[in-house]
Amino acid sequence: MITIEDVRAARTRIAAHIRRTPILEATALKQPLPQKHVTLKLECLQVTGSFKARGAMNRVLGASPDELRAGLVTASGGNHGLAIARTAHVLGVPATIYLPSNVSPAKVEKLKAWGAGIEFCGDVFDEANEAALAWAHQAGALYVHPFADPLVVAGQGTLALDILDEMPEVDAVLIAIGGGGLIAGMATAIKALKPSVRVIGIEPEGAPTLHASLAAGRVVTLSKVTTAVPTMAARRTDERVLEIAQRYVGEIVLVSDEAMRQAARWLWFEAGVAADLSGAAAVAALQSGAIALPDDARICALVCGAGPDGIG
């Protein structure tokens, strides 16, 4: 699907349009994590509040003027839609975002603020995505898939380059999974540059999309999705994403929605970090004991998305 050269090219292409987000050592805590050496990568402070700004910008900057003539369209649980809306704003083209009914109201308001057109369709991402594809065909707009596009995946992979620059001795990177584009891009870069690093994915118990596909050895379409986390609620991954996961992802663990809520509250209380539930997934996996790592392992827990879920 992509190579390390694609990720490096994406880093150059998008550099002027994204932020170098900070890292924070998880120390001086009232409620310590079970592991001794955890560093939080605060990608929730990225433009629009998530890593999605990387892939969206790389995809659209890689498009021709003709492709952009009728604007952009996508489907999203929130974060990818925000990234597309912001990218469209920067480039001066219209964008239409199709959303499932359970998207965060706060993200809907942010989408409006970026000037995107909004359409609600269905209860989960896959239903909204069908409507987005239909609109792309009808209007001639450029459809930007949130996780099954090589340019999007390469853009997400640039986050791994930042982490390896900032934490050259890292032993394990913990990555939340929705459709799988983020972990595919990051795993490709990590394993090309430092094969010893363990790449561990986290999915909700109510949407074990990639977990089920790895177990089956093929892409599985979930019969239902019960998680309340719209950014992690894809019923199906992509064949190319699965292939990368089979090669490079060490394991995928499952966490409950409640564990992610507790982790979001922990991030707010301990660090003043406002994460959405997907952004809290890596911490949730550590707190719940879902991941077994050596006591001296140097862990990067990715806080990939912003939101008010841990506040109040």
Protein backbone atom coordinates (compact mmCIF):
# COMPACT_ATOMS: atom_id res chain seq x y z
CA MET A 1 0.00 0.00 0.00
CA ILE A 2 2.75 2.45 1.02
CA THR A 3 6.49 2.50 1.74
CA ILE A 4 8.70 4.52 4.05
CA GLU A 5 9.53 6.70 1.04
CA ASP A 6 5.83 7.58 0.73
CA VAL A 7 5.76 8.59 4.39
CA ARG A 8 8.86 10.73 4.03
CA ALA A 9 7.42 12.41 0.96
CA ALA A 10 4.21 13.11 2.87
CA ARG A 11 6.18 14.70 5.68
CA THR A 12 7.78 17.13 3.25
CA ARG A 13 4.50 17.85 1.47
CA ILE A 14 2.46 18.69 4.55
CA ALA A 15 5.12 20.29 6.74
CA ALA A 16 3.87 23.86 6.27
CA HIS A 17 0.31 22.92 7.20
CA ILE A 18 0.57 20.89 10.42
CA ARG A 19 2.02 21.23 13.91
CA ARG A 20 4.83 19.36 15.63
CA THR A 21 2.82 18.27 18.67
CA PRO A 22 4.48 17.90 22.08
CA ILE A 23 5.27 14.84 24.18
CA LEU A 24 4.68 14.66 27.92
CA GLU A 25 6.23 12.22 30.39
CA ALA A 26 3.56 10.66 32.60
CA THR A 27 5.21 11.57 35.92
CA ALA A 28 4.22 13.28 39.19
CA LEU A 29 0.80 11.61 39.11
CA LYS A 30 -1.80 11.18 41.84
CA GLN A 31 -2.99 7.99 40.15
CA PRO A 32 0.12 6.46 38.54
CA LEU A 33 -0.07 4.18 35.54
CA PRO A 34 0.92 0.53 36.01
CA GLN A 35 4.01 1.04 33.82
CA LYS A 36 7.01 3.10 34.91
CA HIS A 37 8.09 4.74 31.67
CA VAL A 38 5.15 6.14 29.74
CA THR A 39 5.30 9.17 27.48
CA LEU A 40 2.14 10.71 26.06
CA LYS A 41 2.28 11.94 22.47
CA LEU A 42 -0.25 14.78 22.49
CA GLU A 43 -1.50 14.63 18.92
CA CYS A 44 -4.78 15.91 20.32
CA LEU A 45 -3.09 19.32 20.00
CA GLN A 46 -2.76 18.89 16.24
CA VAL A 47 -4.64 21.23 13.91
CA THR A 48 -8.41 20.44 14.20
CA GLY A 49 -7.68 18.28 17.24
CA SER A 50 -6.37 15.03 15.80
CA PHE A 51 -3.81 13.25 13.64
CA LYS A 52 -6.34 13.27 10.80
CA ALA A 53 -5.02 16.66 9.65
CA ARG A 54 -1.93 14.87 8.36
CA GLY A 55 -3.60 12.38 6.06
CA ALA A 56 -6.26 14.78 4.82
CA MET A 57 -3.72 17.41 3.84
CA ASN A 58 -1.44 14.89 2.14
CA ARG A 59 -4.30 13.46 0.09
CA VAL A 60 -5.63 16.80 -1.08
CA LEU A 61 -2.22 18.32 -1.81
CA GLY A 62 -1.61 15.24 -3.92
CA ALA A 63 -4.73 15.90 -6.03
CA SER A 64 -4.88 17.67 -9.39
CA PRO A 65 -6.78 20.95 -9.88
CA ASP A 66 -9.37 19.07 -11.94
CA GLU A 67 -10.02 16.68 -9.06
CA LEU A 68 -10.67 19.62 -6.74
CA ARG A 69 -12.98 21.50 -9.08
CA ALA A 70 -16.19 20.26 -7.42
CA GLY A 71 -14.77 20.29 -3.90
CA LEU A 72 -14.31 17.53 -1.34
CA VAL A 73 -16.63 15.00 0.22
CA THR A 74 -16.11 12.39 2.92
CA ALA A 75 -17.76 10.42 5.69
CA SER A 76 -16.51 10.61 9.24
CA GLY A 77 -17.15 9.90 12.88
CA GLY A 78 -15.90 13.44 13.49
CA ASN A 79 -12.11 13.80 13.39
CA HIS A 80 -11.52 13.01 9.72
CA GLY A 81 -14.40 15.29 8.78
CA LEU A 82 -12.82 18.13 10.71
CA ALA A 83 -9.52 17.53 8.95
CA ILE A 84 -11.18 17.60 5.53
CA ALA A 85 -13.16 20.74 6.43
CA ARG A 86 -10.01 22.52 7.52
CA THR A 87 -8.07 21.35 4.46
CA ALA A 88 -10.86 22.62 2.22
CA HIS A 89 -10.78 25.96 4.05
CA VAL A 90 -7.02 26.29 3.58
CA LEU A 91 -7.23 25.48 -0.14
CA GLY A 92 -10.39 27.50 -0.78
CA VAL A 93 -12.62 24.68 -2.00
CA PRO A 94 -16.02 23.52 -0.65
CA ALA A 95 -16.42 20.39 1.48
CA THR A 96 -19.39 18.21 2.40
CA ILE A 97 -19.12 15.89 5.39
CA TYR A 98 -21.48 12.95 5.93
CA LEU A 99 -21.86 12.01 9.59
CA PRO A 100 -23.51 9.19 11.55
CA SER A 101 -26.16 10.18 14.06
CA ASN A 102 -23.97 9.52 17.10
CA VAL A 103 -21.23 12.02 16.25
CA SER A 104 -20.17 14.35 19.06
CA PRO A 105 -22.20 17.61 19.09
CA ALA A 106 -18.99 19.48 19.88
CA LYS A 107 -17.44 18.19 16.66
CA VAL A 108 -20.54 19.14 14.67
CA GLU A 109 -20.15 22.71 15.91
CA LYS A 110 -16.48 22.73 14.94
CA LEU A 111 -17.35 21.45 11.48
CA LYS A 112 -19.79 24.31 11.06
CA ALA A 113 -17.13 26.76 12.20
CA TRP A 114 -14.78 25.50 9.48
CA GLY A 115 -17.51 26.19 6.92
CA ALA A 116 -18.23 22.62 5.83
CA GLY A 117 -21.59 21.39 4.60
CA ILE A 118 -22.97 18.72 6.93
CA GLU A 119 -25.27 15.79 6.20
CA PHE A 120 -26.39 13.16 8.70
CA CYS A 121 -26.93 9.63 7.42
CA GLY A 122 -27.30 6.40 9.38
CA ASP A 123 -26.14 5.33 12.81
CA VAL A 124 -22.57 4.21 12.02
CA PHE A 125 -19.71 5.29 9.77
CA ASP A 126 -20.39 2.72 7.04
CA GLU A 127 -23.90 4.05 6.41
CA ALA A 128 -22.67 7.64 6.23
CA ASN A 129 -19.90 6.48 3.92
CA GLU A 130 -22.34 4.99 1.40
CA ALA A 131 -24.09 8.35 1.19
CA ALA A 132 -20.77 10.19 0.77
CA LEU A 133 -19.79 7.91 -2.11
CA ALA A 134 -23.13 8.49 -3.79
CA TRP A 135 -22.69 12.26 -3.51
CA ALA A 136 -19.16 12.06 -4.90
CA HIS A 137 -20.50 10.20 -7.93
CA GLN A 138 -23.37 12.64 -8.40
CA ALA A 139 -21.49 15.90 -7.87
CA GLY A 140 -18.05 14.95 -9.16
CA ALA A 141 -16.48 15.91 -5.82
CA LEU A 142 -13.19 14.36 -4.70
CA TYR A 143 -14.01 11.62 -2.22
CA VAL A 144 -11.40 11.27 0.53
CA HIS A 145 -11.60 7.97 2.39
CA PRO A 146 -10.62 8.25 6.06
CA PHE A 147 -8.41 5.15 6.12
CA ALA A 148 -8.32 3.23 2.81
CA ASP A 149 -6.38 5.72 0.67
CA PRO A 150 -2.60 5.35 0.26
CA LEU A 151 -1.97 9.12 0.46
CA VAL A 152 -4.07 9.35 3.62
CA VAL A 153 -2.25 6.40 5.19
CA ALA A 154 1.15 7.87 4.28
CA GLY A 155 0.15 11.16 5.86
CA GLN A 156 -0.84 9.44 9.08
CA GLY A 157 2.49 7.64 9.05
CA THR A 158 4.33 10.95 9.46
CA LEU A 159 3.28 10.85 13.11
CA ALA A 160 5.57 7.86 13.60
CA LEU A 161 8.51 9.83 12.21
CA ASP A 162 7.91 12.51 14.83
CA ILE A 163 7.74 9.94 17.63
CA LEU A 164 10.96 8.23 16.57
CA ASP A 165 12.69 11.63 16.40
CA GLU A 166 11.47 12.56 19.89
CA MET A 167 11.75 9.13 21.53
CA PRO A 168 14.60 7.28 19.77
CA GLU A 169 14.74 4.66 22.54
CA VAL A 170 11.03 3.83 22.49
CA ASP A 171 10.16 0.14 22.91
CA ALA A 172 6.41 0.14 22.23
CA VAL A 173 3.90 2.47 20.59
CA LEU A 174 0.20 2.20 21.50
CA ILE A 175 -2.21 3.28 18.76
CA ALA A 176 -6.01 3.55 18.73
CA ILE A 177 -7.78 1.96 15.76
CA GLY A 178 -10.91 3.05 13.95
CA GLY A 179 -10.65 1.81 10.37
CA GLY A 180 -6.93 1.14 10.64
CA GLY A 181 -5.31 3.84 8.51
CA LEU A 182 -3.37 5.37 11.38
CA ILE A 183 -1.84 2.14 12.62
CA ALA A 184 -1.09 1.04 9.04
CA GLY A 185 0.82 4.22 8.26
CA MET A 186 2.62 4.36 11.58
CA ALA A 187 3.52 0.66 11.61
CA THR A 188 4.97 0.91 8.10
CA ALA A 189 7.25 3.76 9.17
CA ILE A 190 8.20 2.30 12.54
CA LYS A 191 9.10 -1.13 11.24
CA ALA A 192 11.14 0.36 8.37
CA LEU A 193 13.21 2.50 10.73
CA LYS A 194 13.25 0.59 14.02
CA PRO A 195 11.97 -2.98 13.64
CA SER A 196 12.43 -3.78 17.33
CA VAL A 197 9.59 -1.44 18.38
CA ARG A 198 6.34 -3.21 19.27
CA VAL A 199 3.30 -1.73 17.54
CA ILE A 200 0.18 -2.38 19.61
CA GLY A 201 -3.33 -1.46 18.52
CA ILE A 202 -6.38 -0.72 20.66
CA GLU A 203 -9.97 -1.22 19.56
CA PRO A 204 -13.29 -0.95 21.42
CA GLU A 205 -14.91 -4.16 22.57
CA GLY A 206 -17.97 -3.02 20.64
CA ALA A 207 -16.10 -2.62 17.31
CA PRO A 208 -13.24 -5.15 17.10
CA THR A 209 -12.85 -4.62 13.37
CA LEU A 210 -9.15 -5.29 12.81
CA HIS A 211 -8.93 -7.72 15.75
CA ALA A 212 -11.61 -9.93 14.16
CA SER A 213 -10.03 -9.67 10.72
CA LEU A 214 -6.60 -10.70 12.00
CA ALA A 215 -8.14 -13.67 13.80
CA ALA A 216 -9.97 -14.75 10.65
CA GLY A 217 -7.06 -14.11 8.29
CA ARG A 218 -9.31 -12.02 6.04
CA VAL A 219 -11.32 -8.81 6.17
CA VAL A 220 -14.39 -9.37 8.33
CA THR A 221 -17.47 -7.17 8.20
CA LEU A 222 -18.88 -6.93 11.71
CA SER A 223 -22.55 -7.87 11.97
CA LYS A 224 -23.08 -5.00 14.39
CA VAL A 225 -21.22 -2.22 16.14
CA THR A 226 -22.12 -1.49 19.75
CA THR A 227 -19.45 0.98 20.82
CA ALA A 228 -20.55 4.53 21.55
CA VAL A 229 -17.25 5.89 20.20
CA PRO A 230 -18.06 7.16 16.68
CA THR A 231 -14.42 7.66 15.72
CA MET A 232 -13.72 3.96 16.35
CA ALA A 233 -16.88 2.44 14.89
CA ALA A 234 -16.02 1.11 11.44
CA ARG A 235 -17.66 -2.23 10.66
CA ARG A 236 -15.01 -3.13 8.10
CA THR A 237 -11.36 -2.37 7.45
CA ASP A 238 -9.55 -2.40 4.10
CA GLU A 239 -7.70 -5.38 2.61
CA ARG A 240 -4.50 -3.38 2.22
CA VAL A 241 -4.70 -2.13 5.81
CA LEU A 242 -5.16 -5.71 7.01
CA GLU A 243 -2.11 -6.82 5.04
CA ILE A 244 0.03 -4.20 6.77
CA ALA A 245 -1.38 -5.19 10.16
CA GLN A 246 -0.58 -8.84 9.50
CA ARG A 247 3.04 -7.92 8.75
CA TYR A 248 3.76 -5.24 11.30
CA VAL A 249 1.28 -5.05 14.18
CA GLY A 250 2.32 -7.12 17.18
CA GLU A 251 -1.08 -7.37 18.82
CA ILE A 252 -4.46 -5.70 19.12
CA VAL A 253 -6.20 -5.44 22.48
CA LEU A 254 -9.79 -4.56 23.25
CA VAL A 255 -11.02 -2.04 25.82
CA SER A 256 -14.48 -1.09 26.99
CA ASP A 257 -16.11 2.27 26.35
CA GLU A 258 -16.16 2.83 30.10
CA ALA A 259 -12.40 2.21 30.34
CA MET A 260 -11.89 4.90 27.71
CA ARG A 261 -14.16 7.30 29.61
CA GLN A 262 -12.16 6.70 32.79
CA ALA A 263 -8.92 7.25 30.89
CA ALA A 264 -10.23 10.49 29.42
CA ARG A 265 -11.09 11.68 32.93
CA TRP A 266 -7.61 10.66 34.08
CA LEU A 267 -5.97 12.66 31.29
CA TRP A 268 -7.98 15.72 32.21
CA PHE A 269 -7.36 15.40 35.95
CA GLU A 270 -3.67 14.53 35.78
CA ALA A 271 -2.50 16.57 32.80
CA GLY A 272 -5.24 18.99 31.81
CA VAL A 273 -5.45 17.17 28.48
CA ALA A 274 -8.91 17.20 26.88
CA ALA A 275 -9.06 13.93 24.94
CA ASP A 276 -11.95 12.30 23.15
CA LEU A 277 -12.56 8.61 23.84
CA SER A 278 -10.38 7.43 20.97
CA GLY A 279 -7.64 9.74 22.23
CA ALA A 280 -7.87 8.05 25.62
CA ALA A 281 -7.79 4.50 24.24
CA ALA A 282 -4.04 3.95 24.69
CA VAL A 283 -4.15 5.06 28.32
CA ALA A 284 -7.24 2.91 28.85
CA ALA A 285 -5.33 -0.13 27.62
CA LEU A 286 -2.54 0.55 30.11
CA GLN A 287 -4.86 1.24 33.03
CA SER A 288 -6.99 -1.85 32.41
CA GLY A 289 -4.00 -4.19 32.23
CA ALA A 290 -4.87 -5.23 28.68
CA ILE A 291 -1.23 -4.88 27.60
CA ALA A 292 1.62 -6.89 29.12
CA LEU A 293 4.97 -5.13 28.77
CA PRO A 294 8.25 -5.43 30.72
CA ASP A 295 8.55 -3.12 33.73
CA ASP A 296 11.39 -1.18 32.12
CA ALA A 297 9.71 -0.80 28.71
CA ARG A 298 9.70 2.72 27.30
CA ILE A 299 6.16 3.23 26.09
CA CYS A 300 4.62 5.88 23.86
CA ALA A 301 0.87 6.17 24.44
CA LEU A 302 -0.67 8.12 21.60
CA VAL A 303 -3.37 10.62 22.58
CA CYS A 304 -4.71 10.93 19.06
CA GLY A 305 -7.86 13.05 19.39
CA ALA A 306 -9.22 15.98 21.36
CA GLY A 307 -12.65 16.28 22.94
CA PRO A 308 -14.58 17.07 26.12
CA ASP A 309 -15.27 13.45 27.14
CA GLY A 310 -13.09 13.60 30.25
CA ILE A 311 -14.24 17.01 31.46
CA GLY A 312 -16.90 17.42 34.09
